[in-house]
PDB file of N, CA and C in Angstrom:
ATOM      1  N   MET A   1     -52.957 -16.296 -25.224  1.00  0.00           N
ATOM      2  CA  MET A   1     -53.212 -17.568 -24.367  1.00  0.00           C
ATOM      3  C   MET A   1     -51.641 -17.399 -23.550  1.00  0.00           C
ATOM      4  N   ASN A   2     -51.573 -17.602 -22.322  1.00  0.00           N
ATOM      5  CA  ASN A   2     -50.308 -17.783 -21.781  1.00  0.00           C
ATOM      6  C   ASN A   2     -49.279 -18.412 -21.884  1.00  0.00           C
ATOM      7  N   ARG A   3     -47.757 -17.448 -22.313  1.00  0.00           N
ATOM      8  CA  ARG A   3     -46.925 -18.194 -22.872  1.00  0.00           C
ATOM      9  C   ARG A   3     -46.407 -19.297 -21.933  1.00  0.00           C
ATOM     10  N   LEU A   4     -46.596 -18.840 -20.538  1.00  0.00           N
ATOM     11  CA  LEU A   4     -46.029 -19.818 -19.400  1.00  0.00           C
ATOM     12  C   LEU A   4     -46.549 -21.330 -19.367  1.00  0.00           C
ATOM     13  N   LEU A   5     -47.706 -21.323 -19.966  1.00  0.00           N
ATOM     14  CA  LEU A   5     -48.717 -22.159 -19.633  1.00  0.00           C
ATOM     15  C   LEU A   5     -48.124 -23.822 -19.959  1.00  0.00           C
ATOM     16  N   PRO A   6     -47.343 -23.829 -21.060  1.00  0.00           N
ATOM     17  CA  PRO A   6     -46.668 -24.960 -21.793  1.00  0.00           C
ATOM     18  C   PRO A   6     -45.353 -25.529 -20.650  1.00  0.00           C
ATOM     19  N   LEU A   7     -45.040 -24.340 -20.285  1.00  0.00           N
ATOM     20  CA  LEU A   7     -43.712 -24.731 -18.986  1.00  0.00           C
ATOM     21  C   LEU A   7     -44.500 -24.987 -17.878  1.00  0.00           C
ATOM     22  N   VAL A   8     -45.648 -24.601 -17.285  1.00  0.00           N
ATOM     23  CA  VAL A   8     -46.331 -25.009 -16.256  1.00  0.00           C
ATOM     24  C   VAL A   8     -46.689 -26.833 -16.470  1.00  0.00           C
ATOM     25  N   LEU A   9     -47.496 -26.941 -17.680  1.00  0.00           N
ATOM     26  CA  LEU A   9     -47.859 -28.244 -17.976  1.00  0.00           C
ATOM     27  C   LEU A   9     -46.748 -29.253 -17.441  1.00  0.00           C
ATOM     28  N   LEU A  10     -45.547 -28.973 -18.553  1.00  0.00           N
ATOM     29  CA  LEU A  10     -44.224 -29.612 -18.326  1.00  0.00           C
ATOM     30  C   LEU A  10     -43.988 -29.814 -17.145  1.00  0.00           C
ATOM     31  N   ALA A  11     -43.831 -29.024 -16.461  1.00  0.00           N
ATOM     32  CA  ALA A  11     -43.039 -28.968 -14.863  1.00  0.00           C
ATOM     33  C   ALA A  11     -43.879 -30.111 -13.708  1.00  0.00           C
ATOM     34  N   ALA A  12     -45.247 -29.689 -14.207  1.00  0.00           N
ATOM     35  CA  ALA A  12     -46.422 -30.635 -13.589  1.00  0.00           C
ATOM     36  C   ALA A  12     -45.870 -31.990 -14.102  1.00  0.00           C
ATOM     37  N   THR A  13     -46.012 -31.994 -14.950  1.00  0.00           N
ATOM     38  CA  THR A  13     -46.022 -33.973 -15.277  1.00  0.00           C
ATOM     39  C   THR A  13     -44.575 -34.113 -15.058  1.00  0.00           C
ATOM     40  N   ALA A  14     -43.209 -33.086 -14.705  1.00  0.00           N
ATOM     41  CA  ALA A  14     -41.823 -33.809 -14.506  1.00  0.00           C
ATOM     42  C   ALA A  14     -41.899 -33.603 -13.036  1.00  0.00           C
ATOM     43  N   GLY A  15     -42.858 -33.608 -12.375  1.00  0.00           N
ATOM     44  CA  GLY A  15     -42.836 -33.572 -10.709  1.00  0.00           C
ATOM     45  C   GLY A  15     -42.241 -32.519 -10.165  1.00  0.00           C
ATOM     46  N   TRP A  16     -42.088 -31.273 -11.068  1.00  0.00           N
ATOM     47  CA  TRP A  16     -41.737 -29.748 -10.332  1.00  0.00           C
ATOM     48  C   TRP A  16     -42.811 -28.856 -10.062  1.00  0.00           C
ATOM     49  N   THR A  17     -42.576 -27.964  -9.143  1.00  0.00           N
ATOM     50  CA  THR A  17     -43.739 -27.109  -8.638  1.00  0.00           C
ATOM     51  C   THR A  17     -43.950 -26.271  -9.842  1.00  0.00           C
ATOM     52  N   SER A  18     -45.179 -25.972 -10.322  1.00  0.00           N
ATOM     53  CA  SER A  18     -45.367 -24.922 -11.566  1.00  0.00           C
ATOM     54  C   SER A  18     -44.822 -23.834 -11.271  1.00  0.00           C
ATOM     55  N   ILE A  19     -44.531 -22.877 -10.268  1.00  0.00           N
ATOM     56  CA  ILE A  19     -43.773 -21.874 -10.064  1.00  0.00           C
ATOM     57  C   ILE A  19     -42.115 -22.032 -10.704  1.00  0.00           C
ATOM     58  N   GLN A  20     -42.139 -22.949  -9.701  1.00  0.00           N
ATOM     59  CA  GLN A  20     -40.497 -23.020  -9.834  1.00  0.00           C
ATOM     60  C   GLN A  20     -39.861 -23.444 -11.464  1.00  0.00           C
ATOM     61  N   ALA A  21     -40.667 -24.279 -12.165  1.00  0.00           N
ATOM     62  CA  ALA A  21     -40.512 -24.301 -13.482  1.00  0.00           C
ATOM     63  C   ALA A  21     -40.316 -23.204 -13.919  1.00  0.00           C
ATOM     64  N   ALA A  22     -41.514 -22.462 -13.926  1.00  0.00           N
ATOM     65  CA  ALA A  22     -42.022 -21.247 -15.039  1.00  0.00           C
ATOM     66  C   ALA A  22     -41.056 -20.057 -15.039  1.00  0.00           C
ATOM     67  N   THR A  23     -40.814 -20.189 -13.607  1.00  0.00           N
ATOM     68  CA  THR A  23     -39.776 -18.789 -13.136  1.00  0.00           C
ATOM     69  C   THR A  23     -38.461 -19.048 -12.763  1.00  0.00           C
ATOM     70  N   GLY A  24     -38.342 -20.350 -12.337  1.00  0.00           N
ATOM     71  CA  GLY A  24     -37.107 -20.561 -11.939  1.00  0.00           C
ATOM     72  C   GLY A  24     -36.618 -20.573 -10.419  1.00  0.00           C
ATOM     73  N   GLU A  25     -37.855 -19.877  -9.644  1.00  0.00           N
ATOM     74  CA  GLU A  25     -37.639 -19.611  -8.151  1.00  0.00           C
ATOM     75  C   GLU A  25     -39.086 -20.671  -7.607  1.00  0.00           C
ATOM     76  N   ALA A  26     -38.307 -21.267  -6.352  1.00  0.00           N
ATOM     77  CA  ALA A  26     -39.486 -21.889  -5.721  1.00  0.00           C
ATOM     78  C   ALA A  26     -40.456 -21.240  -5.131  1.00  0.00           C
ATOM     79  N   ASP A  27     -41.700 -21.498  -4.862  1.00  0.00           N
ATOM     80  CA  ASP A  27     -42.499 -21.391  -4.253  1.00  0.00           C
ATOM     81  C   ASP A  27     -42.427 -21.383  -2.923  1.00  0.00           C
ATOM     82  N   PRO A  28     -42.457 -20.288  -2.489  1.00  0.00           N
ATOM     83  CA  PRO A  28     -42.079 -19.838  -0.593  1.00  0.00           C
ATOM     84  C   PRO A  28     -42.955 -21.119   0.159  1.00  0.00           C
ATOM     85  N   ALA A  29     -44.388 -21.203  -0.151  1.00  0.00           N
ATOM     86  CA  ALA A  29     -45.165 -22.106   0.718  1.00  0.00           C
ATOM     87  C   ALA A  29     -44.469 -23.866   0.254  1.00  0.00           C
ATOM     88  N   ALA A  30     -44.580 -23.818  -0.960  1.00  0.00           N
ATOM     89  CA  ALA A  30     -43.747 -25.168  -1.494  1.00  0.00           C
ATOM     90  C   ALA A  30     -42.393 -25.416  -0.397  1.00  0.00           C
ATOM     91  N   LEU A  31     -41.630 -24.588  -0.348  1.00  0.00           N
ATOM     92  CA  LEU A  31     -40.585 -24.448   0.197  1.00  0.00           C
ATOM     93  C   LEU A  31     -40.621 -24.772   1.831  1.00  0.00           C
ATOM     94  N   GLU A  32     -41.209 -24.068   2.519  1.00  0.00           N
ATOM     95  CA  GLU A  32     -41.878 -24.318   3.814  1.00  0.00           C
ATOM     96  C   GLU A  32     -42.370 -26.049   3.956  1.00  0.00           C
ATOM     97  N   ARG A  33     -43.354 -26.035   2.861  1.00  0.00           N
ATOM     98  CA  ARG A  33     -43.807 -27.634   3.035  1.00  0.00           C
ATOM     99  C   ARG A  33     -42.728 -28.549   3.048  1.00  0.00           C
ATOM    100  N   GLY A  34     -41.737 -28.471   2.423  1.00  0.00           N
ATOM    101  CA  GLY A  34     -40.688 -29.275   2.072  1.00  0.00           C
ATOM    102  C   GLY A  34     -39.602 -29.377   3.203  1.00  0.00           C
ATOM    103  N   LYS A  35     -39.573 -27.964   4.145  1.00  0.00           N
ATOM    104  CA  LYS A  35     -38.738 -28.069   4.905  1.00  0.00           C
ATOM    105  C   LYS A  35     -39.282 -28.604   6.226  1.00  0.00           C
ATOM    106  N   ALA A  36     -40.735 -28.579   6.321  1.00  0.00           N
ATOM    107  CA  ALA A  36     -41.529 -29.281   7.367  1.00  0.00           C
ATOM    108  C   ALA A  36     -41.346 -30.771   7.081  1.00  0.00           C
ATOM    109  N   ILE A  37     -41.710 -31.265   6.093  1.00  0.00           N
ATOM    110  CA  ILE A  37     -41.210 -32.521   6.127  1.00  0.00           C
ATOM    111  C   ILE A  37     -39.747 -32.958   6.498  1.00  0.00           C
ATOM    112  N   ALA A  38     -38.756 -32.435   5.877  1.00  0.00           N
ATOM    113  CA  ALA A  38     -37.411 -32.827   6.194  1.00  0.00           C
ATOM    114  C   ALA A  38     -37.069 -32.613   7.556  1.00  0.00           C
ATOM    115  N   PHE A  39     -37.949 -31.628   8.271  1.00  0.00           N
ATOM    116  CA  PHE A  39     -37.230 -31.380  10.010  1.00  0.00           C
ATOM    117  C   PHE A  39     -38.248 -32.461  10.629  1.00  0.00           C
ATOM    118  N   ASP A  40     -39.130 -33.191  10.169  1.00  0.00           N
ATOM    119  CA  ASP A  40     -40.164 -33.572  10.797  1.00  0.00           C
ATOM    120  C   ASP A  40     -39.481 -35.325  11.306  1.00  0.00           C
ATOM    121  N   ARG A  41     -39.715 -35.253  12.682  1.00  0.00           N
ATOM    122  CA  ARG A  41     -38.568 -36.848  12.847  1.00  0.00           C
ATOM    123  C   ARG A  41     -39.573 -37.985  12.522  1.00  0.00           C
ATOM    124  N   ASN A  42     -40.726 -38.096  12.061  1.00  0.00           N
ATOM    125  CA  ASN A  42     -41.437 -39.186  11.966  1.00  0.00           C
ATOM    126  C   ASN A  42     -41.510 -39.235  10.403  1.00  0.00           C
ATOM    127  N   ALA A  43     -41.080 -38.103   9.791  1.00  0.00           N
ATOM    128  CA  ALA A  43     -40.953 -38.105   8.045  1.00  0.00           C
ATOM    129  C   ALA A  43     -39.640 -38.128   7.519  1.00  0.00           C
ATOM    130  N   GLY A  44     -39.257 -36.971   6.982  1.00  0.00           N
ATOM    131  CA  GLY A  44     -37.715 -37.140   6.316  1.00  0.00           C
ATOM    132  C   GLY A  44     -36.880 -37.393   7.180  1.00  0.00           C
ATOM    133  N   ASN A  45     -37.012 -36.762   8.310  1.00  0.00           N
ATOM    134  CA  ASN A  45     -35.925 -36.879   9.768  1.00  0.00           C
ATOM    135  C   ASN A  45     -34.360 -36.466   9.133  1.00  0.00           C
ATOM    136  N   CYS A  46     -34.358 -35.672   8.226  1.00  0.00           N
ATOM    137  CA  CYS A  46     -32.909 -35.146   7.632  1.00  0.00           C
ATOM    138  C   CYS A  46     -31.735 -34.892   8.614  1.00  0.00           C
ATOM    139  N   LEU A  47     -32.934 -34.579   9.815  1.00  0.00           N
ATOM    140  CA  LEU A  47     -31.619 -33.847  10.863  1.00  0.00           C
ATOM    141  C   LEU A  47     -31.123 -34.742  11.600  1.00  0.00           C
ATOM    142  N   SER A  48     -31.272 -35.833  11.479  1.00  0.00           N
ATOM    143  CA  SER A  48     -31.044 -36.672  12.188  1.00  0.00           C
ATOM    144  C   SER A  48     -29.545 -37.103  11.847  1.00  0.00           C
ATOM    145  N   CYS A  49     -29.219 -37.197  10.624  1.00  0.00           N
ATOM    146  CA  CYS A  49     -28.070 -37.314   9.830  1.00  0.00           C
ATOM    147  C   CYS A  49     -27.028 -35.952   9.441  1.00  0.00           C
ATOM    148  N   HIS A  50     -27.862 -34.790   9.258  1.00  0.00           N
ATOM    149  CA  HIS A  50     -27.504 -33.685   8.273  1.00  0.00           C
ATOM    150  C   HIS A  50     -27.413 -32.425   9.492  1.00  0.00           C
ATOM    151  N   MET A  51     -26.442 -31.385   9.351  1.00  0.00           N
ATOM    152  CA  MET A  51     -26.800 -30.331   9.661  1.00  0.00           C
ATOM    153  C   MET A  51     -27.508 -29.658   8.665  1.00  0.00           C
ATOM    154  N   MET A  52     -28.308 -28.840   8.416  1.00  0.00           N
ATOM    155  CA  MET A  52     -29.273 -27.768   7.683  1.00  0.00           C
ATOM    156  C   MET A  52     -29.736 -26.595   8.294  1.00  0.00           C
ATOM    157  N   ASP A  53     -29.789 -25.945   7.705  1.00  0.00           N
ATOM    158  CA  ASP A  53     -30.626 -24.645   7.830  1.00  0.00           C
ATOM    159  C   ASP A  53     -30.331 -24.150   9.406  1.00  0.00           C
ATOM    160  N   ASP A  54     -31.658 -23.948   9.663  1.00  0.00           N
ATOM    161  CA  ASP A  54     -31.871 -23.462  11.082  1.00  0.00           C
ATOM    162  C   ASP A  54     -32.304 -24.812  12.092  1.00  0.00           C
ATOM    163  N   GLY A  55     -32.155 -25.884  11.584  1.00  0.00           N
ATOM    164  CA  GLY A  55     -32.142 -26.853  12.393  1.00  0.00           C
ATOM    165  C   GLY A  55     -31.460 -27.624  13.620  1.00  0.00           C
ATOM    166  N   GLU A  56     -32.575 -27.759  14.739  1.00  0.00           N
ATOM    167  CA  GLU A  56     -31.990 -27.859  15.833  1.00  0.00           C
ATOM    168  C   GLU A  56     -31.532 -29.591  15.978  1.00  0.00           C
ATOM    169  N   LEU A  57     -30.392 -29.627  16.813  1.00  0.00           N
ATOM    170  CA  LEU A  57     -29.828 -31.092  16.960  1.00  0.00           C
ATOM    171  C   LEU A  57     -29.691 -31.756  15.972  1.00  0.00           C
ATOM    172  N   PRO A  58     -28.472 -31.455  15.189  1.00  0.00           N
ATOM    173  CA  PRO A  58     -28.644 -31.802  13.943  1.00  0.00           C
ATOM    174  C   PRO A  58     -27.316 -33.089  13.988  1.00  0.00           C
ATOM    175  N   GLY A  59     -27.550 -34.250  13.219  1.00  0.00           N
ATOM    176  CA  GLY A  59     -26.585 -35.255  13.284  1.00  0.00           C
ATOM    177  C   GLY A  59     -25.822 -34.839  12.400  1.00  0.00           C
ATOM    178  N   ASN A  60     -24.604 -35.798  12.353  1.00  0.00           N
ATOM    179  CA  ASN A  60     -23.306 -35.310  11.632  1.00  0.00           C
ATOM    180  C   ASN A  60     -22.705 -36.697  11.022  1.00  0.00           C
ATOM    181  N   SER A  61     -23.547 -37.537  11.012  1.00  0.00           N
ATOM    182  CA  SER A  61     -23.127 -38.674  10.347  1.00  0.00           C
ATOM    183  C   SER A  61     -23.218 -38.594   8.317  1.00  0.00           C
ATOM    184  N   GLY A  62     -23.817 -37.396   8.202  1.00  0.00           N
ATOM    185  CA  GLY A  62     -24.244 -37.368   6.806  1.00  0.00           C
ATOM    186  C   GLY A  62     -23.471 -35.851   6.459  1.00  0.00           C
ATOM    187  N   PRO A  63     -23.473 -35.609   5.187  1.00  0.00           N
ATOM    188  CA  PRO A  63     -22.407 -34.264   4.741  1.00  0.00           C
ATOM    189  C   PRO A  63     -23.645 -33.249   5.153  1.00  0.00           C
ATOM    190  N   PRO A  64     -22.943 -31.784   5.800  1.00  0.00           N
ATOM    191  CA  PRO A  64     -24.204 -30.615   6.002  1.00  0.00           C
ATOM    192  C   PRO A  64     -24.836 -30.366   4.337  1.00  0.00           C
ATOM    193  N   LEU A  65     -25.948 -29.967   4.865  1.00  0.00           N
ATOM    194  CA  LEU A  65     -26.687 -29.481   3.573  1.00  0.00           C
ATOM    195  C   LEU A  65     -26.421 -28.127   3.168  1.00  0.00           C
ATOM    196  N   ILE A  66     -25.311 -27.856   2.564  1.00  0.00           N
ATOM    197  CA  ILE A  66     -25.069 -26.616   2.243  1.00  0.00           C
ATOM    198  C   ILE A  66     -24.882 -26.446   0.623  1.00  0.00           C
ATOM    199  N   GLN A  67     -25.041 -25.359   0.281  1.00  0.00           N
ATOM    200  CA  GLN A  67     -24.341 -25.036  -1.337  1.00  0.00           C
ATOM    201  C   GLN A  67     -24.906 -26.145  -2.004  1.00  0.00           C
ATOM    202  N   MET A  68     -26.459 -26.574  -1.852  1.00  0.00           N
ATOM    203  CA  MET A  68     -27.038 -27.717  -2.513  1.00  0.00           C
ATOM    204  C   MET A  68     -26.733 -27.332  -4.021  1.00  0.00           C
ATOM    205  N   GLN A  69     -27.254 -26.270  -4.558  1.00  0.00           N
ATOM    206  CA  GLN A  69     -27.438 -26.236  -6.133  1.00  0.00           C
ATOM    207  C   GLN A  69     -25.923 -26.373  -6.836  1.00  0.00           C
ATOM    208  N   VAL A  70     -24.799 -26.094  -6.091  1.00  0.00           N
ATOM    209  CA  VAL A  70     -23.487 -26.044  -6.606  1.00  0.00           C
ATOM    210  C   VAL A  70     -23.232 -27.606  -6.617  1.00  0.00           C
ATOM    211  N   ARG A  71     -23.435 -28.394  -5.427  1.00  0.00           N
ATOM    212  CA  ARG A  71     -23.386 -29.667  -5.593  1.00  0.00           C
ATOM    213  C   ARG A  71     -24.197 -30.578  -6.549  1.00  0.00           C
ATOM    214  N   PHE A  72     -25.369 -30.267  -6.524  1.00  0.00           N
ATOM    215  CA  PHE A  72     -26.359 -31.071  -7.180  1.00  0.00           C
ATOM    216  C   PHE A  72     -26.629 -30.055  -8.330  1.00  0.00           C
ATOM    217  N   PRO A  73     -26.251 -29.472  -9.427  1.00  0.00           N
ATOM    218  CA  PRO A  73     -26.865 -28.501 -10.462  1.00  0.00           C
ATOM    219  C   PRO A  73     -27.652 -29.380 -11.242  1.00  0.00           C
ATOM    220  N   ASP A  74     -27.780 -30.856 -11.140  1.00  0.00           N
ATOM    221  CA  ASP A  74     -29.074 -31.339 -11.899  1.00  0.00           C
ATOM    222  C   ASP A  74     -29.642 -31.973 -10.606  1.00  0.00           C
ATOM    223  N   ARG A  75     -31.396 -31.774 -10.586  1.00  0.00           N
ATOM    224  CA  ARG A  75     -32.098 -31.738  -9.571  1.00  0.00           C
ATOM    225  C   ARG A  75     -32.552 -33.149  -9.762  1.00  0.00           C
ATOM    226  N   GLU A  76     -32.478 -33.759 -10.914  1.00  0.00           N
ATOM    227  CA  GLU A  76     -32.929 -35.036 -10.813  1.00  0.00           C
ATOM    228  C   GLU A  76     -31.702 -36.237 -10.132  1.00  0.00           C
ATOM    229  N   VAL A  77     -30.664 -35.627 -10.047  1.00  0.00           N
ATOM    230  CA  VAL A  77     -29.812 -36.574  -9.466  1.00  0.00           C
ATOM    231  C   VAL A  77     -29.891 -36.629  -7.718  1.00  0.00           C
ATOM    232  N   LEU A  78     -30.288 -35.331  -7.391  1.00  0.00           N
ATOM    233  CA  LEU A  78     -30.818 -34.868  -5.756  1.00  0.00           C
ATOM    234  C   LEU A  78     -31.606 -35.915  -5.627  1.00  0.00           C
ATOM    235  N   ARG A  79     -32.822 -35.825  -6.488  1.00  0.00           N
ATOM    236  CA  ARG A  79     -33.989 -36.695  -6.301  1.00  0.00           C
ATOM    237  C   ARG A  79     -33.615 -38.115  -6.173  1.00  0.00           C
ATOM    238  N   GLN A  80     -32.993 -38.496  -7.076  1.00  0.00           N
ATOM    239  CA  GLN A  80     -32.760 -39.845  -7.359  1.00  0.00           C
ATOM    240  C   GLN A  80     -31.948 -40.185  -5.851  1.00  0.00           C
ATOM    241  N   GLN A  81     -31.158 -39.139  -5.574  1.00  0.00           N
ATOM    242  CA  GLN A  81     -30.292 -39.552  -4.248  1.00  0.00           C
ATOM    243  C   GLN A  81     -31.089 -39.741  -2.924  1.00  0.00           C
ATOM    244  N   ILE A  82     -32.338 -38.976  -2.796  1.00  0.00           N
ATOM    245  CA  ILE A  82     -33.351 -39.196  -1.719  1.00  0.00           C
ATOM    246  C   ILE A  82     -34.548 -40.141  -1.923  1.00  0.00           C
ATOM    247  N   TRP A  83     -34.909 -40.383  -2.986  1.00  0.00           N
ATOM    248  CA  TRP A  83     -35.519 -41.761  -3.424  1.00  0.00           C
ATOM    249  C   TRP A  83     -34.497 -43.170  -3.306  1.00  0.00           C
ATOM    250  N   ASP A  84     -33.679 -43.151  -3.552  1.00  0.00           N
ATOM    251  CA  ASP A  84     -32.920 -44.165  -3.266  1.00  0.00           C
ATOM    252  C   ASP A  84     -31.382 -44.069  -3.190  1.00  0.00           C
ATOM    253  N   ALA A  85     -30.803 -43.419  -2.215  1.00  0.00           N
ATOM    254  CA  ALA A  85     -29.486 -43.757  -2.479  1.00  0.00           C
ATOM    255  C   ALA A  85     -28.238 -44.636  -2.569  1.00  0.00           C
ATOM    256  N   ALA A  86     -28.657 -45.624  -2.377  1.00  0.00           N
ATOM    257  CA  ALA A  86     -28.333 -47.319  -2.580  1.00  0.00           C
ATOM    258  C   ALA A  86     -27.980 -47.405  -4.444  1.00  0.00           C
ATOM    259  N   VAL A  87     -28.486 -46.795  -4.897  1.00  0.00           N
ATOM    260  CA  VAL A  87     -28.449 -47.004  -6.207  1.00  0.00           C
ATOM    261  C   VAL A  87     -27.047 -46.489  -6.463  1.00  0.00           C
ATOM    262  N   ARG A  88     -26.241 -45.308  -6.536  1.00  0.00           N
ATOM    263  CA  ARG A  88     -25.067 -44.617  -6.591  1.00  0.00           C
ATOM    264  C   ARG A  88     -24.108 -45.291  -5.492  1.00  0.00           C
ATOM    265  N   ASN A  89     -24.664 -45.453  -4.114  1.00  0.00           N
ATOM    266  CA  ASN A  89     -23.387 -45.750  -3.258  1.00  0.00           C
ATOM    267  C   ASN A  89     -24.361 -47.327  -2.425  1.00  0.00           C
ATOM    268  N   PRO A  90     -23.848 -48.445  -2.638  1.00  0.00           N
ATOM    269  CA  PRO A  90     -24.719 -49.663  -1.975  1.00  0.00           C
ATOM    270  C   PRO A  90     -24.477 -49.830  -0.823  1.00  0.00           C
ATOM    271  N   GLN A  91     -23.393 -49.048  -0.323  1.00  0.00           N
ATOM    272  CA  GLN A  91     -22.974 -48.886   1.378  1.00  0.00           C
ATOM    273  C   GLN A  91     -23.549 -48.013   2.229  1.00  0.00           C
ATOM    274  N   THR A  92     -24.429 -47.291   1.670  1.00  0.00           N
ATOM    275  CA  THR A  92     -24.855 -46.159   2.355  1.00  0.00           C
ATOM    276  C   THR A  92     -25.698 -46.420   3.049  1.00  0.00           C
ATOM    277  N   VAL A  93     -26.012 -45.574   4.520  1.00  0.00           N
ATOM    278  CA  VAL A  93     -26.741 -45.938   5.308  1.00  0.00           C
ATOM    279  C   VAL A  93     -28.202 -44.795   5.369  1.00  0.00           C
ATOM    280  N   MET A  94     -28.222 -43.954   4.220  1.00  0.00           N
ATOM    281  CA  MET A  94     -29.161 -43.338   3.926  1.00  0.00           C
ATOM    282  C   MET A  94     -30.285 -43.969   3.370  1.00  0.00           C
ATOM    283  N   PRO A  95     -31.916 -44.048   4.142  1.00  0.00           N
ATOM    284  CA  PRO A  95     -32.828 -44.620   4.113  1.00  0.00           C
ATOM    285  C   PRO A  95     -33.399 -44.331   2.662  1.00  0.00           C
ATOM    286  N   PRO A  96     -34.131 -44.976   1.864  1.00  0.00           N
ATOM    287  CA  PRO A  96     -34.108 -45.072   0.277  1.00  0.00           C
ATOM    288  C   PRO A  96     -35.742 -44.700   0.588  1.00  0.00           C
ATOM    289  N   TYR A  97     -36.019 -43.324   0.633  1.00  0.00           N
ATOM    290  CA  TYR A  97     -37.049 -42.764   0.868  1.00  0.00           C
ATOM    291  C   TYR A  97     -38.343 -43.321  -0.125  1.00  0.00           C
ATOM    292  N   GLY A  98     -37.998 -42.971  -1.186  1.00  0.00           N
ATOM    293  CA  GLY A  98     -38.922 -43.687  -2.147  1.00  0.00           C
ATOM    294  C   GLY A  98     -38.921 -45.139  -2.432  1.00  0.00           C
ATOM    295  N   ARG A  99     -37.942 -45.710  -2.698  1.00  0.00           N
ATOM    296  CA  ARG A  99     -38.407 -47.369  -3.168  1.00  0.00           C
ATOM    297  C   ARG A  99     -38.972 -47.894  -1.485  1.00  0.00           C
ATOM    298  N   ASN A 100     -39.055 -47.629  -0.190  1.00  0.00           N
ATOM    299  CA  ASN A 100     -39.362 -48.004   0.679  1.00  0.00           C
ATOM    300  C   ASN A 100     -40.569 -47.186   1.129  1.00  0.00           C
ATOM    301  N   LEU A 101     -41.471 -46.309   0.229  1.00  0.00           N
ATOM    302  CA  LEU A 101     -42.601 -45.774   0.629  1.00  0.00           C
ATOM    303  C   LEU A 101     -42.668 -44.714   1.936  1.00  0.00           C
ATOM    304  N   VAL A 102     -41.542 -44.453   2.128  1.00  0.00           N
ATOM    305  CA  VAL A 102     -41.392 -43.708   3.552  1.00  0.00           C
ATOM    306  C   VAL A 102     -41.800 -42.419   3.373  1.00  0.00           C
ATOM    307  N   LEU A 103     -41.443 -41.518   2.167  1.00  0.00           N
ATOM    308  CA  LEU A 103     -42.252 -40.511   1.372  1.00  0.00           C
ATOM    309  C   LEU A 103     -42.992 -40.870  -0.120  1.00  0.00           C
ATOM    310  N   SER A 104     -43.966 -39.879   0.018  1.00  0.00           N
ATOM    311  CA  SER A 104     -44.633 -40.178  -1.370  1.00  0.00           C
ATOM    312  C   SER A 104     -43.210 -39.300  -2.303  1.00  0.00           C
ATOM    313  N   GLU A 105     -44.088 -39.263  -3.645  1.00  0.00           N
ATOM    314  CA  GLU A 105     -43.473 -38.879  -4.820  1.00  0.00           C
ATOM    315  C   GLU A 105     -43.633 -37.482  -4.340  1.00  0.00           C
ATOM    316  N   GLU A 106     -44.480 -36.661  -4.137  1.00  0.00           N
ATOM    317  CA  GLU A 106     -45.101 -35.488  -4.029  1.00  0.00           C
ATOM    318  C   GLU A 106     -44.025 -34.882  -2.869  1.00  0.00           C
ATOM    319  N   GLU A 107     -44.037 -35.617  -1.803  1.00  0.00           N
ATOM    320  CA  GLU A 107     -43.445 -35.187  -0.748  1.00  0.00           C
ATOM    321  C   GLU A 107     -41.693 -35.230  -1.139  1.00  0.00           C
ATOM    322  N   ILE A 108     -41.414 -36.181  -1.760  1.00  0.00           N
ATOM    323  CA  ILE A 108     -39.904 -36.136  -2.387  1.00  0.00           C
ATOM    324  C   ILE A 108     -39.769 -35.081  -3.042  1.00  0.00           C
ATOM    325  N   ASP A 109     -40.713 -34.528  -3.832  1.00  0.00           N
ATOM    326  CA  ASP A 109     -40.269 -33.625  -4.680  1.00  0.00           C
ATOM    327  C   ASP A 109     -40.071 -31.962  -3.964  1.00  0.00           C
ATOM    328  N   LEU A 110     -41.012 -31.894  -2.689  1.00  0.00           N
ATOM    329  CA  LEU A 110     -40.917 -31.059  -1.885  1.00  0.00           C
ATOM    330  C   LEU A 110     -39.974 -30.798  -1.102  1.00  0.00           C
ATOM    331  N   VAL A 111     -39.187 -32.014  -0.650  1.00  0.00           N
ATOM    332  CA  VAL A 111     -37.814 -32.031   0.299  1.00  0.00           C
ATOM    333  C   VAL A 111     -37.130 -31.591  -1.002  1.00  0.00           C
ATOM    334  N   VAL A 112     -36.533 -32.135  -2.109  1.00  0.00           N
ATOM    335  CA  VAL A 112     -36.054 -31.768  -3.462  1.00  0.00           C
ATOM    336  C   VAL A 112     -35.794 -30.577  -3.109  1.00  0.00           C
ATOM    337  N   ASP A 113     -36.912 -29.751  -3.537  1.00  0.00           N
ATOM    338  CA  ASP A 113     -37.061 -28.300  -3.763  1.00  0.00           C
ATOM    339  C   ASP A 113     -36.541 -27.352  -2.707  1.00  0.00           C
ATOM    340  N   TYR A 114     -36.850 -27.839  -1.238  1.00  0.00           N
ATOM    341  CA  TYR A 114     -36.001 -27.178  -0.317  1.00  0.00           C
ATOM    342  C   TYR A 114     -34.992 -27.539   0.107  1.00  0.00           C
ATOM    343  N   VAL A 115     -34.176 -28.809  -0.323  1.00  0.00           N
ATOM    344  CA  VAL A 115     -32.769 -28.811  -0.286  1.00  0.00           C
ATOM    345  C   VAL A 115     -32.159 -27.815  -1.373  1.00  0.00           C
ATOM    346  N   LEU A 116     -32.465 -28.016  -2.404  1.00  0.00           N
ATOM    347  CA  LEU A 116     -32.118 -27.521  -3.342  1.00  0.00           C
ATOM    348  C   LEU A 116     -31.527 -25.875  -3.157  1.00  0.00           C
ATOM    349  N   SER A 117     -32.404 -25.135  -2.269  1.00  0.00           N
ATOM    350  CA  SER A 117     -32.636 -23.744  -1.589  1.00  0.00           C
ATOM    351  C   SER A 117     -31.754 -23.598  -0.463  1.00  0.00           C
ATOM    352  N   LEU A 118     -31.164 -24.625  -0.228  1.00  0.00           N
ATOM    353  CA  LEU A 118     -30.013 -24.630   0.884  1.00  0.00           C
ATOM    354  C   LEU A 118     -28.777 -24.265   0.527  1.00  0.00           C
TER     355      LEU A 118
END
């Protein structure tokens, strides 16, 4: 039996991509999907407020998304921030992507994985 199988199953139930949980590295295809959602002006729209990666015409009302693994060593804290930033900061202007169903749970996970790669 593959020794990684229990990790993959646990990761799938926790919302992580299987490859990332089993190896500690994100799947390049999943990162591209997360990036596409983050850059999509009709979906994540992260560039409207944040400078990130190779995004064009970024906003500056939010912090630049750099060194994200250092800033968010706990993946779940970043996921909660994207799901509903008002939990930690009631005065935030960041949209509650999860609470308002702007993004699906899978889309949020993909964006989290992508943002953590920055």
